[in-house]
Amino acid sequence: MSTIQIRQAVLADLDAMSVLFDGYRQFYQRDSDVAAAKQFLADRFNHGESVVFIAHEGSEPVGFAQLYPSFSSVSLGRIFILNDLFVSESGRRKGVASRLISASVDFAKTVGAIRLALSTAHTNANAQALYEAKGWMRDDDYFYVYTIPA
């Protein structure tokens, strides 16, 4: 029987989330800064700017997914961007990421969103395989992402 539990995070989860979020940022070659991670997450919570799901194995926090709300003007509907998905080393290969994705999709459906979107590195074959196994489809019409510093 699995001891993995997924639930929507609340402000009381901020300390645990900060450590996970810092690990996520380090995965993407950013310097560790738990205080900055905590402030960033607190700002998202305090302004209602994201929805976060947290995964626990027993009492240990092992992963999270963060969704940002947005809208599609063309489709006239709410969408969510699955912007962040991370599972700590101790939680990997246990279905945590899959369950976080499922919780995110279920939430979006519950609140009437028309779709979820995400992006991942071209080289992140493991993530791509997971997304495709969960039914996500690559949008080859919009393959490139453009950015500019603000």
N, C-alpha and C. Protein backbone atom coordinates (compact mmCIF):
# COMPACT_ATOMS: atom_id res chain seq x y z
N MET A 1 0.84 -1.19 0.00
CA MET A 1 0.00 0.00 0.00
C MET A 1 0.88 1.25 0.00
N SER A 2 0.54 2.19 -0.87
CA SER A 2 1.33 3.40 -1.02
C SER A 2 1.10 4.36 0.15
N THR A 3 2.18 4.95 0.60
CA THR A 3 2.07 5.97 1.65
C THR A 3 2.16 7.36 1.05
N ILE A 4 2.10 7.47 -0.28
CA ILE A 4 2.16 8.76 -0.96
C ILE A 4 0.80 9.43 -0.87
N GLN A 5 0.80 10.65 -0.36
CA GLN A 5 -0.42 11.44 -0.27
C GLN A 5 -0.21 12.75 -1.02
N ILE A 6 -1.20 13.14 -1.81
CA ILE A 6 -1.16 14.39 -2.55
C ILE A 6 -2.32 15.25 -2.07
N ARG A 7 -2.04 16.51 -1.81
CA ARG A 7 -3.12 17.44 -1.44
C ARG A 7 -2.72 18.85 -1.84
N GLN A 8 -3.72 19.72 -1.89
CA GLN A 8 -3.43 21.11 -2.19
C GLN A 8 -2.69 21.71 -1.01
N ALA A 9 -1.60 22.41 -1.29
CA ALA A 9 -0.80 23.03 -0.24
C ALA A 9 -1.52 24.25 0.32
N VAL A 10 -1.24 24.53 1.58
CA VAL A 10 -1.76 25.70 2.26
C VAL A 10 -0.59 26.46 2.86
N LEU A 11 -0.85 27.64 3.36
CA LEU A 11 0.21 28.49 3.89
C LEU A 11 1.02 27.79 4.98
N ALA A 12 0.40 26.91 5.75
CA ALA A 12 1.12 26.17 6.79
C ALA A 12 2.19 25.25 6.21
N ASP A 13 2.13 24.97 4.91
CA ASP A 13 3.13 24.13 4.25
C ASP A 13 4.33 24.92 3.75
N LEU A 14 4.36 26.21 4.02
CA LEU A 14 5.36 27.09 3.42
C LEU A 14 6.80 26.65 3.71
N ASP A 15 7.11 26.27 4.92
CA ASP A 15 8.48 25.86 5.24
C ASP A 15 8.89 24.62 4.44
N ALA A 16 8.03 23.61 4.42
CA ALA A 16 8.33 22.39 3.66
C ALA A 16 8.41 22.69 2.17
N MET A 17 7.50 23.51 1.68
CA MET A 17 7.49 23.87 0.26
C MET A 17 8.76 24.64 -0.12
N SER A 18 9.23 25.47 0.77
CA SER A 18 10.42 26.28 0.48
C SER A 18 11.64 25.41 0.23
N VAL A 19 11.79 24.37 1.02
CA VAL A 19 12.92 23.45 0.85
C VAL A 19 12.79 22.70 -0.48
N LEU A 20 11.59 22.21 -0.79
CA LEU A 20 11.38 21.53 -2.07
C LEU A 20 11.62 22.49 -3.24
N PHE A 21 11.09 23.70 -3.12
CA PHE A 21 11.21 24.69 -4.19
C PHE A 21 12.68 25.06 -4.41
N ASP A 22 13.44 25.15 -3.33
CA ASP A 22 14.86 25.42 -3.44
C ASP A 22 15.56 24.27 -4.17
N GLY A 23 15.18 23.03 -3.84
CA GLY A 23 15.74 21.87 -4.55
C GLY A 23 15.41 21.89 -6.02
N TYR A 24 14.21 22.30 -6.35
CA TYR A 24 13.77 22.43 -7.75
C TYR A 24 14.64 23.45 -8.49
N ARG A 25 14.86 24.59 -7.85
CA ARG A 25 15.69 25.62 -8.47
C ARG A 25 17.13 25.14 -8.65
N GLN A 26 17.65 24.40 -7.68
CA GLN A 26 19.00 23.86 -7.81
C GLN A 26 19.09 22.86 -8.95
N PHE A 27 18.01 22.10 -9.17
CA PHE A 27 17.95 21.17 -10.30
C PHE A 27 18.19 21.91 -11.61
N TYR A 28 17.72 23.16 -11.66
CA TYR A 28 17.91 24.00 -12.85
C TYR A 28 19.11 24.94 -12.71
N GLN A 29 20.12 24.48 -11.97
CA GLN A 29 21.41 25.14 -11.83
C GLN A 29 21.34 26.55 -11.22
N ARG A 30 20.39 26.78 -10.34
CA ARG A 30 20.34 28.05 -9.61
C ARG A 30 20.98 27.82 -8.24
N ASP A 31 21.55 28.88 -7.69
CA ASP A 31 22.15 28.78 -6.35
C ASP A 31 21.06 28.56 -5.31
N SER A 32 21.40 27.83 -4.28
CA SER A 32 20.46 27.60 -3.18
C SER A 32 20.16 28.91 -2.46
N ASP A 33 18.89 29.16 -2.21
CA ASP A 33 18.45 30.33 -1.46
C ASP A 33 17.06 30.05 -0.91
N VAL A 34 17.02 29.33 0.20
CA VAL A 34 15.74 28.92 0.79
C VAL A 34 14.92 30.13 1.19
N ALA A 35 15.56 31.16 1.71
CA ALA A 35 14.82 32.36 2.12
C ALA A 35 14.12 33.02 0.93
N ALA A 36 14.82 33.12 -0.19
CA ALA A 36 14.20 33.71 -1.39
C ALA A 36 13.09 32.82 -1.92
N ALA A 37 13.30 31.51 -1.87
CA ALA A 37 12.26 30.56 -2.31
C ALA A 37 11.02 30.73 -1.44
N LYS A 38 11.24 30.86 -0.14
CA LYS A 38 10.12 31.03 0.78
C LYS A 38 9.36 32.32 0.49
N GLN A 39 10.08 33.40 0.25
CA GLN A 39 9.43 34.68 -0.04
C GLN A 39 8.65 34.61 -1.35
N PHE A 40 9.24 33.98 -2.36
CA PHE A 40 8.56 33.84 -3.64
C PHE A 40 7.25 33.08 -3.48
N LEU A 41 7.31 31.94 -2.78
CA LEU A 41 6.10 31.14 -2.56
C LEU A 41 5.08 31.89 -1.70
N ALA A 42 5.55 32.58 -0.67
CA ALA A 42 4.64 33.35 0.19
C ALA A 42 3.91 34.40 -0.63
N ASP A 43 4.61 35.05 -1.53
CA ASP A 43 3.98 36.05 -2.40
C ASP A 43 2.91 35.41 -3.28
N ARG A 44 3.17 34.23 -3.82
CA ARG A 44 2.17 33.55 -4.65
C ARG A 44 0.94 33.20 -3.80
N PHE A 45 1.16 32.66 -2.60
CA PHE A 45 0.05 32.32 -1.71
C PHE A 45 -0.74 33.56 -1.31
N ASN A 46 -0.04 34.58 -0.88
CA ASN A 46 -0.70 35.77 -0.35
C ASN A 46 -1.49 36.55 -1.39
N HIS A 47 -1.13 36.40 -2.64
CA HIS A 47 -1.83 37.11 -3.71
C HIS A 47 -2.72 36.19 -4.54
N GLY A 48 -2.86 34.94 -4.14
CA GLY A 48 -3.70 34.00 -4.87
C GLY A 48 -3.24 33.81 -6.31
N GLU A 49 -1.92 33.81 -6.51
CA GLU A 49 -1.38 33.77 -7.86
C GLU A 49 -1.00 32.38 -8.35
N SER A 50 -1.14 31.38 -7.52
CA SER A 50 -0.85 30.02 -7.97
C SER A 50 -1.61 29.03 -7.11
N VAL A 51 -1.65 27.82 -7.62
CA VAL A 51 -2.22 26.68 -6.90
C VAL A 51 -1.10 25.67 -6.81
N VAL A 52 -0.83 25.19 -5.60
CA VAL A 52 0.28 24.27 -5.38
C VAL A 52 -0.25 22.98 -4.78
N PHE A 53 0.23 21.87 -5.32
CA PHE A 53 -0.05 20.57 -4.74
C PHE A 53 1.25 20.05 -4.14
N ILE A 54 1.15 19.45 -2.98
CA ILE A 54 2.32 18.91 -2.30
C ILE A 54 2.13 17.41 -2.11
N ALA A 55 3.22 16.69 -2.27
CA ALA A 55 3.22 15.24 -2.08
C ALA A 55 4.02 14.90 -0.84
N HIS A 56 3.47 14.01 -0.05
CA HIS A 56 4.17 13.49 1.13
C HIS A 56 4.28 11.97 1.01
N GLU A 57 5.41 11.45 1.44
CA GLU A 57 5.55 10.01 1.65
C GLU A 57 5.62 9.84 3.15
N GLY A 58 4.56 9.34 3.72
CA GLY A 58 4.44 9.36 5.17
C GLY A 58 4.36 10.81 5.60
N SER A 59 5.28 11.24 6.45
CA SER A 59 5.27 12.64 6.89
C SER A 59 6.30 13.48 6.14
N GLU A 60 7.08 12.86 5.23
CA GLU A 60 8.14 13.59 4.52
C GLU A 60 7.61 14.22 3.23
N PRO A 61 7.77 15.54 3.08
CA PRO A 61 7.40 16.17 1.80
C PRO A 61 8.40 15.75 0.72
N VAL A 62 7.87 15.22 -0.40
CA VAL A 62 8.76 14.67 -1.43
C VAL A 62 8.54 15.28 -2.82
N GLY A 63 7.56 16.15 -2.98
CA GLY A 63 7.37 16.74 -4.30
C GLY A 63 6.27 17.77 -4.31
N PHE A 64 6.22 18.51 -5.42
CA PHE A 64 5.17 19.51 -5.57
C PHE A 64 4.92 19.79 -7.05
N ALA A 65 3.77 20.34 -7.31
CA ALA A 65 3.42 20.88 -8.62
C ALA A 65 2.81 22.25 -8.38
N GLN A 66 3.18 23.22 -9.22
CA GLN A 66 2.64 24.57 -9.08
C GLN A 66 1.98 24.97 -10.40
N LEU A 67 0.74 25.40 -10.29
CA LEU A 67 -0.05 25.83 -11.44
C LEU A 67 -0.26 27.33 -11.39
N TYR A 68 -0.11 27.97 -12.53
CA TYR A 68 -0.41 29.39 -12.64
C TYR A 68 -1.67 29.55 -13.49
N PRO A 69 -2.64 30.33 -13.01
CA PRO A 69 -3.85 30.54 -13.80
C PRO A 69 -3.59 31.50 -14.95
N SER A 70 -4.28 31.27 -16.03
CA SER A 70 -4.22 32.16 -17.18
C SER A 70 -5.54 31.99 -17.95
N PHE A 71 -5.59 32.59 -19.13
CA PHE A 71 -6.79 32.51 -19.95
C PHE A 71 -6.40 32.38 -21.41
N SER A 72 -7.28 31.78 -22.18
CA SER A 72 -7.12 31.73 -23.63
C SER A 72 -8.15 32.66 -24.23
N SER A 73 -7.68 33.73 -24.85
CA SER A 73 -8.59 34.67 -25.51
C SER A 73 -9.29 34.02 -26.69
N VAL A 74 -8.55 33.23 -27.45
CA VAL A 74 -9.12 32.60 -28.64
C VAL A 74 -10.20 31.59 -28.25
N SER A 75 -9.93 30.80 -27.21
CA SER A 75 -10.88 29.78 -26.77
C SER A 75 -11.90 30.29 -25.76
N LEU A 76 -11.73 31.52 -25.33
CA LEU A 76 -12.64 32.14 -24.36
C LEU A 76 -12.77 31.31 -23.09
N GLY A 77 -11.63 30.89 -22.55
CA GLY A 77 -11.70 30.05 -21.36
C GLY A 77 -10.47 30.15 -20.48
N ARG A 78 -10.64 29.66 -19.26
CA ARG A 78 -9.55 29.60 -18.28
C ARG A 78 -8.63 28.44 -18.62
N ILE A 79 -7.35 28.67 -18.48
CA ILE A 79 -6.35 27.62 -18.60
C ILE A 79 -5.43 27.69 -17.39
N PHE A 80 -4.68 26.65 -17.18
CA PHE A 80 -3.64 26.66 -16.15
C PHE A 80 -2.34 26.24 -16.80
N ILE A 81 -1.27 26.83 -16.33
CA ILE A 81 0.07 26.48 -16.77
C ILE A 81 0.71 25.66 -15.66
N LEU A 82 1.01 24.41 -15.96
CA LEU A 82 1.73 23.58 -15.00
C LEU A 82 3.19 24.01 -15.14
N ASN A 83 3.57 24.99 -14.34
CA ASN A 83 4.85 25.64 -14.50
C ASN A 83 5.98 24.91 -13.80
N ASP A 84 5.69 24.32 -12.65
CA ASP A 84 6.72 23.70 -11.84
C ASP A 84 6.27 22.32 -11.40
N LEU A 85 7.13 21.34 -11.59
CA LEU A 85 6.89 19.98 -11.11
C LEU A 85 8.22 19.44 -10.64
N PHE A 86 8.27 19.00 -9.40
CA PHE A 86 9.53 18.53 -8.83
C PHE A 86 9.28 17.41 -7.84
N VAL A 87 10.13 16.40 -7.91
CA VAL A 87 10.11 15.31 -6.93
C VAL A 87 11.54 15.16 -6.42
N SER A 88 11.68 15.18 -5.10
CA SER A 88 13.00 15.02 -4.49
C SER A 88 13.55 13.64 -4.80
N GLU A 89 14.85 13.51 -4.66
CA GLU A 89 15.52 12.24 -4.95
C GLU A 89 14.85 11.08 -4.19
N SER A 90 14.49 11.31 -2.93
CA SER A 90 13.91 10.22 -2.12
C SER A 90 12.51 9.82 -2.58
N GLY A 91 11.86 10.68 -3.36
CA GLY A 91 10.51 10.37 -3.81
C GLY A 91 10.42 9.85 -5.22
N ARG A 92 11.53 9.78 -5.91
CA ARG A 92 11.51 9.39 -7.32
C ARG A 92 11.28 7.90 -7.50
N ARG A 93 10.72 7.57 -8.66
CA ARG A 93 10.41 6.19 -9.06
C ARG A 93 9.35 5.55 -8.18
N LYS A 94 8.47 6.38 -7.63
CA LYS A 94 7.40 5.89 -6.77
C LYS A 94 6.03 6.36 -7.24
N GLY A 95 5.97 6.99 -8.42
CA GLY A 95 4.70 7.47 -8.95
C GLY A 95 4.29 8.84 -8.44
N VAL A 96 5.19 9.53 -7.76
CA VAL A 96 4.85 10.83 -7.19
C VAL A 96 4.54 11.85 -8.28
N ALA A 97 5.40 11.95 -9.28
CA ALA A 97 5.17 12.93 -10.36
C ALA A 97 3.86 12.64 -11.07
N SER A 98 3.61 11.39 -11.35
CA SER A 98 2.36 11.01 -12.01
C SER A 98 1.14 11.42 -11.19
N ARG A 99 1.22 11.23 -9.92
CA ARG A 99 0.09 11.59 -9.05
C ARG A 99 -0.06 13.09 -8.91
N LEU A 100 1.04 13.82 -8.90
CA LEU A 100 0.96 15.29 -8.88
C LEU A 100 0.32 15.81 -10.17
N ILE A 101 0.68 15.22 -11.30
CA ILE A 101 0.07 15.61 -12.57
C ILE A 101 -1.42 15.31 -12.55
N SER A 102 -1.80 14.15 -12.07
CA SER A 102 -3.22 13.79 -12.01
C SER A 102 -4.00 14.75 -11.11
N ALA A 103 -3.42 15.11 -9.97
CA ALA A 103 -4.08 16.06 -9.07
C ALA A 103 -4.26 17.41 -9.76
N SER A 104 -3.26 17.83 -10.54
CA SER A 104 -3.33 19.10 -11.25
C SER A 104 -4.44 19.08 -12.30
N VAL A 105 -4.51 18.00 -13.06
CA VAL A 105 -5.54 17.85 -14.09
C VAL A 105 -6.93 17.81 -13.45
N ASP A 106 -7.07 17.04 -12.38
CA ASP A 106 -8.36 16.95 -11.69
C ASP A 106 -8.80 18.32 -11.18
N PHE A 107 -7.87 19.07 -10.61
CA PHE A 107 -8.20 20.41 -10.11
C PHE A 107 -8.68 21.29 -11.25
N ALA A 108 -7.94 21.31 -12.35
CA ALA A 108 -8.29 22.16 -13.49
C ALA A 108 -9.69 21.81 -14.01
N LYS A 109 -9.99 20.54 -14.10
CA LYS A 109 -11.33 20.12 -14.55
C LYS A 109 -12.39 20.59 -13.57
N THR A 110 -12.11 20.46 -12.28
CA THR A 110 -13.07 20.83 -11.25
C THR A 110 -13.43 22.31 -11.31
N VAL A 111 -12.46 23.16 -11.63
CA VAL A 111 -12.74 24.60 -11.67
C VAL A 111 -13.12 25.08 -13.07
N GLY A 112 -13.33 24.14 -14.00
CA GLY A 112 -13.84 24.50 -15.32
C GLY A 112 -12.82 24.98 -16.32
N ALA A 113 -11.55 24.69 -16.09
CA ALA A 113 -10.53 25.09 -17.08
C ALA A 113 -10.71 24.27 -18.35
N ILE A 114 -10.33 24.88 -19.47
CA ILE A 114 -10.45 24.17 -20.74
C ILE A 114 -9.21 23.36 -21.09
N ARG A 115 -8.07 23.70 -20.47
CA ARG A 115 -6.86 22.92 -20.70
C ARG A 115 -5.75 23.33 -19.72
N LEU A 116 -4.74 22.47 -19.67
CA LEU A 116 -3.49 22.77 -18.99
C LEU A 116 -2.40 22.79 -20.05
N ALA A 117 -1.38 23.57 -19.79
CA ALA A 117 -0.23 23.64 -20.69
C ALA A 117 1.03 23.55 -19.87
N LEU A 118 2.09 23.07 -20.49
CA LEU A 118 3.40 23.03 -19.84
C LEU A 118 4.46 23.06 -20.90
N SER A 119 5.65 23.36 -20.48
CA SER A 119 6.80 23.25 -21.37
C SER A 119 7.92 22.57 -20.60
N THR A 120 8.79 21.92 -21.33
CA THR A 120 9.94 21.27 -20.73
C THR A 120 11.09 21.33 -21.71
N ALA A 121 12.27 21.14 -21.21
CA ALA A 121 13.46 21.19 -22.05
C ALA A 121 13.41 20.10 -23.12
N HIS A 122 13.94 20.41 -24.29
CA HIS A 122 14.02 19.41 -25.37
C HIS A 122 14.77 18.18 -24.91
N THR A 123 15.71 18.36 -24.00
CA THR A 123 16.56 17.27 -23.56
C THR A 123 15.98 16.47 -22.39
N ASN A 124 14.85 16.90 -21.85
CA ASN A 124 14.27 16.23 -20.68
C ASN A 124 13.37 15.07 -21.14
N ALA A 125 14.01 14.03 -21.64
CA ALA A 125 13.29 12.89 -22.20
C ALA A 125 12.44 12.18 -21.15
N ASN A 126 12.92 12.10 -19.90
CA ASN A 126 12.14 11.43 -18.86
C ASN A 126 10.82 12.14 -18.62
N ALA A 127 10.86 13.47 -18.52
CA ALA A 127 9.63 14.23 -18.32
C ALA A 127 8.71 14.09 -19.51
N GLN A 128 9.26 14.18 -20.72
CA GLN A 128 8.43 14.06 -21.92
C GLN A 128 7.74 12.70 -21.97
N ALA A 129 8.45 11.65 -21.62
CA ALA A 129 7.86 10.31 -21.62
C ALA A 129 6.72 10.22 -20.60
N LEU A 130 6.92 10.82 -19.44
CA LEU A 130 5.87 10.81 -18.42
C LEU A 130 4.64 11.57 -18.90
N TYR A 131 4.84 12.77 -19.43
CA TYR A 131 3.70 13.57 -19.89
C TYR A 131 2.93 12.83 -20.97
N GLU A 132 3.64 12.24 -21.91
CA GLU A 132 2.96 11.53 -22.99
C GLU A 132 2.24 10.29 -22.45
N ALA A 133 2.83 9.61 -21.48
CA ALA A 133 2.16 8.45 -20.87
C ALA A 133 0.89 8.87 -20.13
N LYS A 134 0.85 10.11 -19.64
CA LYS A 134 -0.32 10.63 -18.93
C LYS A 134 -1.34 11.24 -19.89
N GLY A 135 -1.09 11.17 -21.21
CA GLY A 135 -2.06 11.65 -22.17
C GLY A 135 -1.82 13.06 -22.71
N TRP A 136 -0.75 13.71 -22.28
CA TRP A 136 -0.44 15.04 -22.80
C TRP A 136 0.06 14.89 -24.23
N MET A 137 -0.25 15.87 -25.06
CA MET A 137 0.15 15.84 -26.46
C MET A 137 1.05 17.03 -26.76
N ARG A 138 2.11 16.75 -27.49
CA ARG A 138 3.02 17.81 -27.92
C ARG A 138 2.29 18.68 -28.95
N ASP A 139 2.41 19.98 -28.79
CA ASP A 139 1.80 20.91 -29.73
C ASP A 139 2.86 21.34 -30.73
N ASP A 140 2.92 20.64 -31.85
CA ASP A 140 3.95 20.92 -32.85
C ASP A 140 3.68 22.20 -33.63
N ASP A 141 2.47 22.76 -33.50
CA ASP A 141 2.19 24.04 -34.17
C ASP A 141 2.93 25.19 -33.50
N TYR A 142 3.18 25.09 -32.20
CA TYR A 142 3.85 26.13 -31.42
C TYR A 142 5.04 25.53 -30.71
N PHE A 143 6.03 25.14 -31.47
CA PHE A 143 7.16 24.40 -30.93
C PHE A 143 8.15 25.28 -30.18
N TYR A 144 8.34 26.53 -30.61
CA TYR A 144 9.37 27.37 -30.02
C TYR A 144 8.79 28.31 -28.98
N VAL A 145 9.60 28.61 -28.01
CA VAL A 145 9.25 29.59 -27.00
C VAL A 145 10.20 30.78 -27.20
N TYR A 146 9.66 31.98 -27.21
CA TYR A 146 10.46 33.18 -27.32
C TYR A 146 10.38 33.93 -26.00
N THR A 147 11.49 34.49 -25.58
CA THR A 147 11.51 35.28 -24.35
C THR A 147 12.34 36.54 -24.58
N ILE A 148 12.11 37.52 -23.73
CA ILE A 148 12.92 38.73 -23.73
C ILE A 148 12.97 39.25 -22.30
N PRO A 149 14.12 39.66 -21.84
CA PRO A 149 14.18 40.22 -20.49
C PRO A 149 13.33 41.49 -20.39
N ALA A 150 12.66 41.64 -19.28
CA ALA A 150 11.82 42.82 -19.07
C ALA A 150 12.56 43.85 -18.24
